[in-house]
Amino acid sequence: MPTVCGMIWGMKTSIPLALDFKTKLEALGHADMQELSRLSTVPFTTLWKIRAGETLNPGIETVKLFAPHLSEIEKATS
């Protein structure tokens, strides 16, 4: 996954781009999106808006909730 790397308060950071999450969500079907919503507690409509590009810059707290479960869903669909 492409990332933006930089320095924040002297620490090297590796931050995934919002576009990366959009691309990953686009690969999921409706049922997978519902399961991701259930696992992460992020509302389905929020995830769908990120997927559709309506939300261009999702909040870090939202991403922290669903990102760990995204890899679970991807593994299950592979």
C-alpha atoms as a PDB file:
ATOM      1  CA  MET A   1       0.000   0.000   0.000  1.00  0.00           C
ATOM      2  CA  PRO A   2       1.465   3.386  -0.946  1.00  0.00           C
ATOM      3  CA  THR A   3       2.039   5.698   1.955  1.00  0.00           C
ATOM      4  CA  VAL A   4       3.054   9.226   2.703  1.00  0.00           C
ATOM      5  CA  CYS A   5       6.226   9.258   4.746  1.00  0.00           C
ATOM      6  CA  GLY A   6       7.467  12.176   6.736  1.00  0.00           C
ATOM      7  CA  MET A   7       8.531  13.456  10.094  1.00  0.00           C
ATOM      8  CA  ILE A   8       6.124  14.409  12.857  1.00  0.00           C
ATOM      9  CA  TRP A   9       7.684  15.635  16.091  1.00  0.00           C
ATOM     10  CA  GLY A  10      10.934  13.925  15.186  1.00  0.00           C
ATOM     11  CA  MET A  11       9.305  10.532  14.535  1.00  0.00           C
ATOM     12  CA  LYS A  12       9.322   8.900  11.130  1.00  0.00           C
ATOM     13  CA  THR A  13       5.740   8.256  10.035  1.00  0.00           C
ATOM     14  CA  SER A  14       4.112   6.029   7.469  1.00  0.00           C
ATOM     15  CA  ILE A  15       0.540   7.126   6.843  1.00  0.00           C
ATOM     16  CA  PRO A  16      -1.666   5.309   4.295  1.00  0.00           C
ATOM     17  CA  LEU A  17      -3.421   7.584   1.828  1.00  0.00           C
ATOM     18  CA  ALA A  18      -7.215   7.946   1.907  1.00  0.00           C
ATOM     19  CA  LEU A  19      -7.244   6.867  -1.735  1.00  0.00           C
ATOM     20  CA  ASP A  20      -5.722   3.530  -0.679  1.00  0.00           C
ATOM     21  CA  PHE A  21      -8.658   2.849   1.622  1.00  0.00           C
ATOM     22  CA  LYS A  22     -11.121   3.885  -1.082  1.00  0.00           C
ATOM     23  CA  THR A  23      -9.509   1.429  -3.503  1.00  0.00           C
ATOM     24  CA  LYS A  24      -9.612  -1.384  -0.964  1.00  0.00           C
ATOM     25  CA  LEU A  25     -13.263  -0.692  -0.152  1.00  0.00           C
ATOM     26  CA  GLU A  26     -14.158  -0.630  -3.857  1.00  0.00           C
ATOM     27  CA  ALA A  27     -12.972  -4.235  -4.110  1.00  0.00           C
ATOM     28  CA  LEU A  28     -15.510  -5.348  -1.483  1.00  0.00           C
ATOM     29  CA  GLY A  29     -19.044  -6.396  -2.229  1.00  0.00           C
ATOM     30  CA  HIS A  30     -22.147  -5.197  -0.398  1.00  0.00           C
ATOM     31  CA  ALA A  31     -22.160  -8.113   2.066  1.00  0.00           C
ATOM     32  CA  ASP A  32     -18.453  -7.632   2.825  1.00  0.00           C
ATOM     33  CA  MET A  33     -19.063  -3.938   3.470  1.00  0.00           C
ATOM     34  CA  GLN A  34     -21.859  -4.840   5.886  1.00  0.00           C
ATOM     35  CA  GLU A  35     -19.569  -7.288   7.688  1.00  0.00           C
ATOM     36  CA  LEU A  36     -16.822  -4.654   7.896  1.00  0.00           C
ATOM     37  CA  SER A  37     -19.343  -2.250   9.382  1.00  0.00           C
ATOM     38  CA  ARG A  38     -20.426  -4.831  11.943  1.00  0.00           C
ATOM     39  CA  LEU A  39     -16.865  -5.736  12.963  1.00  0.00           C
ATOM     40  CA  SER A  40     -15.568  -2.189  13.108  1.00  0.00           C
ATOM     41  CA  THR A  41     -18.675  -0.408  14.476  1.00  0.00           C
ATOM     42  CA  VAL A  42     -18.281   2.186  11.697  1.00  0.00           C
ATOM     43  CA  PRO A  43     -21.704   2.902  10.173  1.00  0.00           C
ATOM     44  CA  PHE A  44     -22.257   1.233   6.807  1.00  0.00           C
ATOM     45  CA  THR A  45     -23.140   4.571   5.225  1.00  0.00           C
ATOM     46  CA  THR A  46     -19.831   6.065   6.375  1.00  0.00           C
ATOM     47  CA  LEU A  47     -17.881   3.207   4.800  1.00  0.00           C
ATOM     48  CA  TRP A  48     -19.984   3.471   1.639  1.00  0.00           C
ATOM     49  CA  LYS A  49     -19.290   7.218   1.370  1.00  0.00           C
ATOM     50  CA  ILE A  50     -15.543   6.567   1.633  1.00  0.00           C
ATOM     51  CA  ARG A  51     -15.886   3.848  -1.016  1.00  0.00           C
ATOM     52  CA  ALA A  52     -17.904   6.097  -3.335  1.00  0.00           C
ATOM     53  CA  GLY A  53     -15.501   9.016  -2.950  1.00  0.00           C
ATOM     54  CA  GLU A  54     -18.052  11.245  -1.215  1.00  0.00           C
ATOM     55  CA  THR A  55     -15.787  11.339   1.839  1.00  0.00           C
ATOM     56  CA  LEU A  56     -12.368  12.245   0.492  1.00  0.00           C
ATOM     57  CA  ASN A  57     -10.579  12.571   3.819  1.00  0.00           C
ATOM     58  CA  PRO A  58     -11.967  10.178   6.448  1.00  0.00           C
ATOM     59  CA  GLY A  59     -11.089  10.996  10.041  1.00  0.00           C
ATOM     60  CA  ILE A  60      -8.216   9.150  11.656  1.00  0.00           C
ATOM     61  CA  GLU A  61     -10.498   7.753  14.372  1.00  0.00           C
ATOM     62  CA  THR A  62     -12.794   6.271  11.726  1.00  0.00           C
ATOM     63  CA  VAL A  63      -9.869   4.738   9.862  1.00  0.00           C
ATOM     64  CA  LYS A  64      -8.437   3.326  13.100  1.00  0.00           C
ATOM     65  CA  LEU A  65     -11.742   1.539  13.681  1.00  0.00           C
ATOM     66  CA  PHE A  66     -12.103  -0.147  10.308  1.00  0.00           C
ATOM     67  CA  ALA A  67      -8.544  -0.560   8.981  1.00  0.00           C
ATOM     68  CA  PRO A  68      -7.615  -3.584  11.137  1.00  0.00           C
ATOM     69  CA  HIS A  69     -10.786  -5.393  10.059  1.00  0.00           C
ATOM     70  CA  LEU A  70     -10.271  -4.568   6.396  1.00  0.00           C
ATOM     71  CA  SER A  71      -7.431  -7.086   6.137  1.00  0.00           C
ATOM     72  CA  GLU A  72      -9.629  -9.748   7.794  1.00  0.00           C
ATOM     73  CA  ILE A  73     -12.365  -9.187   5.223  1.00  0.00           C
ATOM     74  CA  GLU A  74      -9.844  -9.192   2.352  1.00  0.00           C
ATOM     75  CA  LYS A  75      -8.412 -12.524   3.531  1.00  0.00           C
ATOM     76  CA  ALA A  76     -11.880 -14.051   3.828  1.00  0.00           C
ATOM     77  CA  THR A  77     -12.809 -13.020   0.277  1.00  0.00           C
ATOM     78  CA  SER A  78      -9.520 -14.231  -1.274  1.00  0.00           C
END
